[in-house]
Amino acid sequence: MERSPKNYILSLLLCFFLGTLGIHRFYVGKIGTGILMILTLGGLYIWQLIDLILIIVGQFRDKQGRFIKP
């Protein structure tokens, strides 16, 4: 699978500090799920935690399905 041009460190920091607002999802182009994260406060932090883990292990994808890797 192709590698995303989105910055890994920026995605990780956005998720860690602003993850409950879904800002990292807006950054990678996932606007719809970003809005859902705002409305649910990151699924009461569970969704944020899952995304954070996915980013750390390199399995988080951008809108085009490309992996965001270090």
PDB file of N, CA and C in Angstrom:
ATOM      1  N   MET A   1       0.844  -1.179   0.000  1.00  0.00           N
ATOM      2  CA  MET A   1       0.000   0.000   0.000  1.00  0.00           C
ATOM      3  C   MET A   1       0.886   1.238   0.000  1.00  0.00           C
ATOM      4  N   GLU A   2       0.408   2.254  -0.621  1.00  0.00           N
ATOM      5  CA  GLU A   2       1.119   3.512  -0.778  1.00  0.00           C
ATOM      6  C   GLU A   2       1.201   4.296   0.539  1.00  0.00           C
ATOM      7  N   ARG A   3       2.252   5.075   0.699  1.00  0.00           N
ATOM      8  CA  ARG A   3       2.456   5.899   1.889  1.00  0.00           C
ATOM      9  C   ARG A   3       1.823   7.280   1.684  1.00  0.00           C
ATOM     10  N   SER A   4       1.161   7.789   2.714  1.00  0.00           N
ATOM     11  CA  SER A   4       0.499   9.087   2.655  1.00  0.00           C
ATOM     12  C   SER A   4       1.514  10.227   2.729  1.00  0.00           C
ATOM     13  N   PRO A   5       1.238  11.326   2.041  1.00  0.00           N
ATOM     14  CA  PRO A   5       2.120  12.496   2.150  1.00  0.00           C
ATOM     15  C   PRO A   5       1.903  13.268   3.458  1.00  0.00           C
ATOM     16  N   LYS A   6       0.892  12.900   4.225  1.00  0.00           N
ATOM     17  CA  LYS A   6       0.615  13.577   5.499  1.00  0.00           C
ATOM     18  C   LYS A   6       1.711  13.253   6.508  1.00  0.00           C
ATOM     19  N   ASN A   7       2.032  14.229   7.346  1.00  0.00           N
ATOM     20  CA  ASN A   7       3.118  14.109   8.308  1.00  0.00           C
ATOM     21  C   ASN A   7       2.714  13.241   9.493  1.00  0.00           C
ATOM     22  N   TYR A   8       3.525  12.217   9.760  1.00  0.00           N
ATOM     23  CA  TYR A   8       3.262  11.268  10.844  1.00  0.00           C
ATOM     24  C   TYR A   8       3.282  11.956  12.220  1.00  0.00           C
ATOM     25  N   ILE A   9       4.321  12.736  12.491  1.00  0.00           N
ATOM     26  CA  ILE A   9       4.470  13.390  13.800  1.00  0.00           C
ATOM     27  C   ILE A   9       3.322  14.367  14.037  1.00  0.00           C
ATOM     28  N   LEU A  10       2.969  15.146  13.018  1.00  0.00           N
ATOM     29  CA  LEU A  10       1.865  16.093  13.168  1.00  0.00           C
ATOM     30  C   LEU A  10       0.551  15.349  13.439  1.00  0.00           C
ATOM     31  N   SER A  11       0.316  14.251  12.731  1.00  0.00           N
ATOM     32  CA  SER A  11      -0.892  13.455  12.967  1.00  0.00           C
ATOM     33  C   SER A  11      -0.924  12.925  14.396  1.00  0.00           C
ATOM     34  N   LEU A  12       0.214  12.437  14.860  1.00  0.00           N
ATOM     35  CA  LEU A  12       0.327  11.899  16.218  1.00  0.00           C
ATOM     36  C   LEU A  12       0.066  12.983  17.264  1.00  0.00           C
ATOM     37  N   LEU A  13       0.665  14.148  17.093  1.00  0.00           N
ATOM     38  CA  LEU A  13       0.476  15.247  18.054  1.00  0.00           C
ATOM     39  C   LEU A  13      -0.955  15.775  18.040  1.00  0.00           C
ATOM     40  N   LEU A  14      -1.535  15.907  16.856  1.00  0.00           N
ATOM     41  CA  LEU A  14      -2.922  16.366  16.769  1.00  0.00           C
ATOM     42  C   LEU A  14      -3.864  15.383  17.461  1.00  0.00           C
ATOM     43  N   CYS A  15      -3.629  14.102  17.275  1.00  0.00           N
ATOM     44  CA  CYS A  15      -4.471  13.094  17.920  1.00  0.00           C
ATOM     45  C   CYS A  15      -4.292  13.120  19.434  1.00  0.00           C
ATOM     46  N   PHE A  16      -3.052  13.240  19.882  1.00  0.00           N
ATOM     47  CA  PHE A  16      -2.776  13.218  21.317  1.00  0.00           C
ATOM     48  C   PHE A  16      -3.389  14.423  22.023  1.00  0.00           C
ATOM     49  N   PHE A  17      -3.181  15.619  21.466  1.00  0.00           N
ATOM     50  CA  PHE A  17      -3.625  16.832  22.154  1.00  0.00           C
ATOM     51  C   PHE A  17      -5.048  17.271  21.798  1.00  0.00           C
ATOM     52  N   LEU A  18      -5.502  17.021  20.575  1.00  0.00           N
ATOM     53  CA  LEU A  18      -6.821  17.486  20.140  1.00  0.00           C
ATOM     54  C   LEU A  18      -7.692  16.347  19.606  1.00  0.00           C
ATOM     55  N   GLY A  19      -7.358  15.132  19.996  1.00  0.00           N
ATOM     56  CA  GLY A  19      -8.048  13.956  19.469  1.00  0.00           C
ATOM     57  C   GLY A  19      -9.524  13.889  19.773  1.00  0.00           C
ATOM     58  N   THR A  20      -9.938  14.381  20.934  1.00  0.00           N
ATOM     59  CA  THR A  20     -11.370  14.320  21.255  1.00  0.00           C
ATOM     60  C   THR A  20     -12.183  15.214  20.328  1.00  0.00           C
ATOM     61  N   LEU A  21     -11.533  16.189  19.707  1.00  0.00           N
ATOM     62  CA  LEU A  21     -12.213  17.059  18.747  1.00  0.00           C
ATOM     63  C   LEU A  21     -12.058  16.558  17.308  1.00  0.00           C
ATOM     64  N   GLY A  22     -11.303  15.480  17.127  1.00  0.00           N
ATOM     65  CA  GLY A  22     -11.152  14.887  15.802  1.00  0.00           C
ATOM     66  C   GLY A  22     -10.296  15.692  14.843  1.00  0.00           C
ATOM     67  N   ILE A  23      -9.471  16.590  15.350  1.00  0.00           N
ATOM     68  CA  ILE A  23      -8.668  17.456  14.488  1.00  0.00           C
ATOM     69  C   ILE A  23      -7.725  16.643  13.596  1.00  0.00           C
ATOM     70  N   HIS A  24      -7.190  15.544  14.104  1.00  0.00           N
ATOM     71  CA  HIS A  24      -6.311  14.700  13.291  1.00  0.00           C
ATOM     72  C   HIS A  24      -7.053  14.108  12.101  1.00  0.00           C
ATOM     73  N   ARG A  25      -8.339  13.846  12.257  1.00  0.00           N
ATOM     74  CA  ARG A  25      -9.128  13.298  11.153  1.00  0.00           C
ATOM     75  C   ARG A  25      -9.391  14.368  10.091  1.00  0.00           C
ATOM     76  N   PHE A  26      -9.616  15.611  10.511  1.00  0.00           N
ATOM     77  CA  PHE A  26      -9.735  16.698   9.538  1.00  0.00           C
ATOM     78  C   PHE A  26      -8.425  16.843   8.764  1.00  0.00           C
ATOM     79  N   TYR A  27      -7.295  16.718   9.466  1.00  0.00           N
ATOM     80  CA  TYR A  27      -5.974  16.857   8.836  1.00  0.00           C
ATOM     81  C   TYR A  27      -5.756  15.821   7.735  1.00  0.00           C
ATOM     82  N   VAL A  28      -6.204  14.595   7.928  1.00  0.00           N
ATOM     83  CA  VAL A  28      -5.989  13.549   6.918  1.00  0.00           C
ATOM     84  C   VAL A  28      -7.130  13.472   5.902  1.00  0.00           C
ATOM     85  N   GLY A  29      -8.106  14.371   5.995  1.00  0.00           N
ATOM     86  CA  GLY A  29      -9.174  14.446   5.000  1.00  0.00           C
ATOM     87  C   GLY A  29     -10.456  13.716   5.356  1.00  0.00           C
ATOM     88  N   LYS A  30     -10.534  13.171   6.550  1.00  0.00           N
ATOM     89  CA  LYS A  30     -11.729  12.433   6.958  1.00  0.00           C
ATOM     90  C   LYS A  30     -12.683  13.389   7.695  1.00  0.00           C
ATOM     91  N   ILE A  31     -13.332  14.253   6.914  1.00  0.00           N
ATOM     92  CA  ILE A  31     -14.156  15.318   7.471  1.00  0.00           C
ATOM     93  C   ILE A  31     -15.393  14.771   8.203  1.00  0.00           C
ATOM     94  N   GLY A  32     -16.052  13.805   7.602  1.00  0.00           N
ATOM     95  CA  GLY A  32     -17.273  13.240   8.200  1.00  0.00           C
ATOM     96  C   GLY A  32     -17.036  12.644   9.574  1.00  0.00           C
ATOM     97  N   THR A  33     -16.001  11.827   9.700  1.00  0.00           N
ATOM     98  CA  THR A  33     -15.714  11.222  11.003  1.00  0.00           C
ATOM     99  C   THR A  33     -15.126  12.247  11.969  1.00  0.00           C
ATOM    100  N   GLY A  34     -14.492  13.288  11.431  1.00  0.00           N
ATOM    101  CA  GLY A  34     -14.023  14.376  12.285  1.00  0.00           C
ATOM    102  C   GLY A  34     -15.190  15.076  12.958  1.00  0.00           C
ATOM    103  N   ILE A  35     -16.246  15.320  12.194  1.00  0.00           N
ATOM    104  CA  ILE A  35     -17.448  15.954  12.757  1.00  0.00           C
ATOM    105  C   ILE A  35     -18.090  15.038  13.797  1.00  0.00           C
ATOM    106  N   LEU A  36     -18.150  13.739  13.495  1.00  0.00           N
ATOM    107  CA  LEU A  36     -18.706  12.792  14.474  1.00  0.00           C
ATOM    108  C   LEU A  36     -17.902  12.785  15.775  1.00  0.00           C
ATOM    109  N   MET A  37     -16.580  12.901  15.652  1.00  0.00           N
ATOM    110  CA  MET A  37     -15.752  12.926  16.862  1.00  0.00           C
ATOM    111  C   MET A  37     -16.019  14.182  17.689  1.00  0.00           C
ATOM    112  N   ILE A  38     -16.262  15.304  17.023  1.00  0.00           N
ATOM    113  CA  ILE A  38     -16.604  16.530  17.761  1.00  0.00           C
ATOM    114  C   ILE A  38     -17.917  16.325  18.511  1.00  0.00           C
ATOM    115  N   LEU A  39     -18.901  15.761  17.834  1.00  0.00           N
ATOM    116  CA  LEU A  39     -20.218  15.588  18.442  1.00  0.00           C
ATOM    117  C   LEU A  39     -20.220  14.589  19.594  1.00  0.00           C
ATOM    118  N   THR A  40     -19.307  13.601  19.552  1.00  0.00           N
ATOM    119  CA  THR A  40     -19.275  12.583  20.610  1.00  0.00           C
ATOM    120  C   THR A  40     -18.085  12.742  21.552  1.00  0.00           C
ATOM    121  N   LEU A  41     -17.336  13.843  21.377  1.00  0.00           N
ATOM    122  CA  LEU A  41     -16.097  14.063  22.144  1.00  0.00           C
ATOM    123  C   LEU A  41     -15.160  12.866  22.039  1.00  0.00           C
ATOM    124  N   GLY A  42     -14.927  12.467  20.819  1.00  0.00           N
ATOM    125  CA  GLY A  42     -14.004  11.352  20.574  1.00  0.00           C
ATOM    126  C   GLY A  42     -14.549  10.032  21.057  1.00  0.00           C
ATOM    127  N   GLY A  43     -15.867   9.879  21.038  1.00  0.00           N
ATOM    128  CA  GLY A  43     -16.453   8.628  21.528  1.00  0.00           C
ATOM    129  C   GLY A  43     -16.117   8.423  22.987  1.00  0.00           C
ATOM    130  N   LEU A  44     -16.178   9.537  23.737  1.00  0.00           N
ATOM    131  CA  LEU A  44     -15.802   9.546  25.156  1.00  0.00           C
ATOM    132  C   LEU A  44     -14.379   9.020  25.331  1.00  0.00           C
ATOM    133  N   TYR A  45     -13.491   9.530  24.508  1.00  0.00           N
ATOM    134  CA  TYR A  45     -12.051   9.256  24.545  1.00  0.00           C
ATOM    135  C   TYR A  45     -11.659   7.879  23.999  1.00  0.00           C
ATOM    136  N   ILE A  46     -12.604   6.983  23.822  1.00  0.00           N
ATOM    137  CA  ILE A  46     -12.265   5.642  23.334  1.00  0.00           C
ATOM    138  C   ILE A  46     -11.810   5.705  21.884  1.00  0.00           C
ATOM    139  N   TRP A  47     -12.531   6.457  21.065  1.00  0.00           N
ATOM    140  CA  TRP A  47     -12.197   6.598  19.650  1.00  0.00           C
ATOM    141  C   TRP A  47     -10.830   7.259  19.500  1.00  0.00           C
ATOM    142  N   GLN A  48     -10.564   8.266  20.332  1.00  0.00           N
ATOM    143  CA  GLN A  48      -9.265   8.936  20.312  1.00  0.00           C
ATOM    144  C   GLN A  48      -8.149   7.945  20.651  1.00  0.00           C
ATOM    145  N   LEU A  49      -8.349   7.129  21.649  1.00  0.00           N
ATOM    146  CA  LEU A  49      -7.343   6.160  22.061  1.00  0.00           C
ATOM    147  C   LEU A  49      -7.070   5.140  20.949  1.00  0.00           C
ATOM    148  N   ILE A  50      -8.117   4.669  20.307  1.00  0.00           N
ATOM    149  CA  ILE A  50      -7.960   3.716  19.204  1.00  0.00           C
ATOM    150  C   ILE A  50      -7.171   4.354  18.053  1.00  0.00           C
ATOM    151  N   ASP A  51      -7.538   5.597  17.688  1.00  0.00           N
ATOM    152  CA  ASP A  51      -6.819   6.286  16.622  1.00  0.00           C
ATOM    153  C   ASP A  51      -5.363   6.520  17.002  1.00  0.00           C
ATOM    154  N   LEU A  52      -5.112   6.882  18.247  1.00  0.00           N
ATOM    155  CA  LEU A  52      -3.743   7.113  18.706  1.00  0.00           C
ATOM    156  C   LEU A  52      -2.901   5.839  18.561  1.00  0.00           C
ATOM    157  N   ILE A  53      -3.459   4.728  18.958  1.00  0.00           N
ATOM    158  CA  ILE A  53      -2.752   3.447  18.826  1.00  0.00           C
ATOM    159  C   ILE A  53      -2.504   3.119  17.344  1.00  0.00           C
ATOM    160  N   LEU A  54      -3.516   3.332  16.506  1.00  0.00           N
ATOM    161  CA  LEU A  54      -3.357   3.064  15.070  1.00  0.00           C
ATOM    162  C   LEU A  54      -2.264   3.936  14.455  1.00  0.00           C
ATOM    163  N   ILE A  55      -2.190   5.191  14.864  1.00  0.00           N
ATOM    164  CA  ILE A  55      -1.150   6.074  14.345  1.00  0.00           C
ATOM    165  C   ILE A  55       0.223   5.596  14.801  1.00  0.00           C
ATOM    166  N   ILE A  56       0.348   5.253  16.074  1.00  0.00           N
ATOM    167  CA  ILE A  56       1.636   4.816  16.619  1.00  0.00           C
ATOM    168  C   ILE A  56       2.163   3.576  15.897  1.00  0.00           C
ATOM    169  N   VAL A  57       1.292   2.607  15.631  1.00  0.00           N
ATOM    170  CA  VAL A  57       1.739   1.368  14.983  1.00  0.00           C
ATOM    171  C   VAL A  57       1.758   1.462  13.451  1.00  0.00           C
ATOM    172  N   GLY A  58       1.396   2.632  12.898  1.00  0.00           N
ATOM    173  CA  GLY A  58       1.469   2.837  11.455  1.00  0.00           C
ATOM    174  C   GLY A  58       0.329   2.245  10.666  1.00  0.00           C
ATOM    175  N   GLN A  59      -0.822   2.064  11.285  1.00  0.00           N
ATOM    176  CA  GLN A  59      -1.973   1.480  10.598  1.00  0.00           C
ATOM    177  C   GLN A  59      -3.098   2.481  10.337  1.00  0.00           C
ATOM    178  N   PHE A  60      -2.887   3.749  10.660  1.00  0.00           N
ATOM    179  CA  PHE A  60      -3.894   4.779  10.422  1.00  0.00           C
ATOM    180  C   PHE A  60      -3.791   5.215   8.961  1.00  0.00           C
ATOM    181  N   ARG A  61      -4.923   5.403   8.311  1.00  0.00           N
ATOM    182  CA  ARG A  61      -4.950   5.740   6.888  1.00  0.00           C
ATOM    183  C   ARG A  61      -5.556   7.118   6.652  1.00  0.00           C
ATOM    184  N   ASP A  62      -5.131   7.746   5.559  1.00  0.00           N
ATOM    185  CA  ASP A  62      -5.736   9.016   5.167  1.00  0.00           C
ATOM    186  C   ASP A  62      -7.001   8.738   4.352  1.00  0.00           C
ATOM    187  N   LYS A  63      -7.603   9.785   3.823  1.00  0.00           N
ATOM    188  CA  LYS A  63      -8.865   9.641   3.098  1.00  0.00           C
ATOM    189  C   LYS A  63      -8.749   8.730   1.866  1.00  0.00           C
ATOM    190  N   GLN A  64      -7.577   8.717   1.240  1.00  0.00           N
ATOM    191  CA  GLN A  64      -7.366   7.883   0.054  1.00  0.00           C
ATOM    192  C   GLN A  64      -6.935   6.457   0.397  1.00  0.00           C
ATOM    193  N   GLY A  65      -6.883   6.124   1.683  1.00  0.00           N
ATOM    194  CA  GLY A  65      -6.532   4.777   2.097  1.00  0.00           C
ATOM    195  C   GLY A  65      -5.041   4.522   2.205  1.00  0.00           C
ATOM    196  N   ARG A  66      -4.237   5.582   2.132  1.00  0.00           N
ATOM    197  CA  ARG A  66      -2.782   5.434   2.234  1.00  0.00           C
ATOM    198  C   ARG A  66      -2.360   5.505   3.702  1.00  0.00           C
ATOM    199  N   PHE A  67      -1.396   4.673   4.068  1.00  0.00           N
ATOM    200  CA  PHE A  67      -0.931   4.617   5.453  1.00  0.00           C
ATOM    201  C   PHE A  67      -0.111   5.845   5.816  1.00  0.00           C
ATOM    202  N   ILE A  68      -0.330   6.346   7.040  1.00  0.00           N
ATOM    203  CA  ILE A  68       0.480   7.435   7.582  1.00  0.00           C
ATOM    204  C   ILE A  68       1.531   6.774   8.454  1.00  0.00           C
ATOM    205  N   LYS A  69       2.765   6.759   7.948  1.00  0.00           N
ATOM    206  CA  LYS A  69       3.857   6.046   8.626  1.00  0.00           C
ATOM    207  C   LYS A  69       4.998   6.990   8.938  1.00  0.00           C
ATOM    208  N   PRO A  70       5.799   6.607   9.952  1.00  0.00           N
ATOM    209  CA  PRO A  70       6.974   7.444  10.283  1.00  0.00           C
ATOM    210  C   PRO A  70       8.034   7.389   9.194  1.00  0.00           C
TER     211      PRO A  70
END
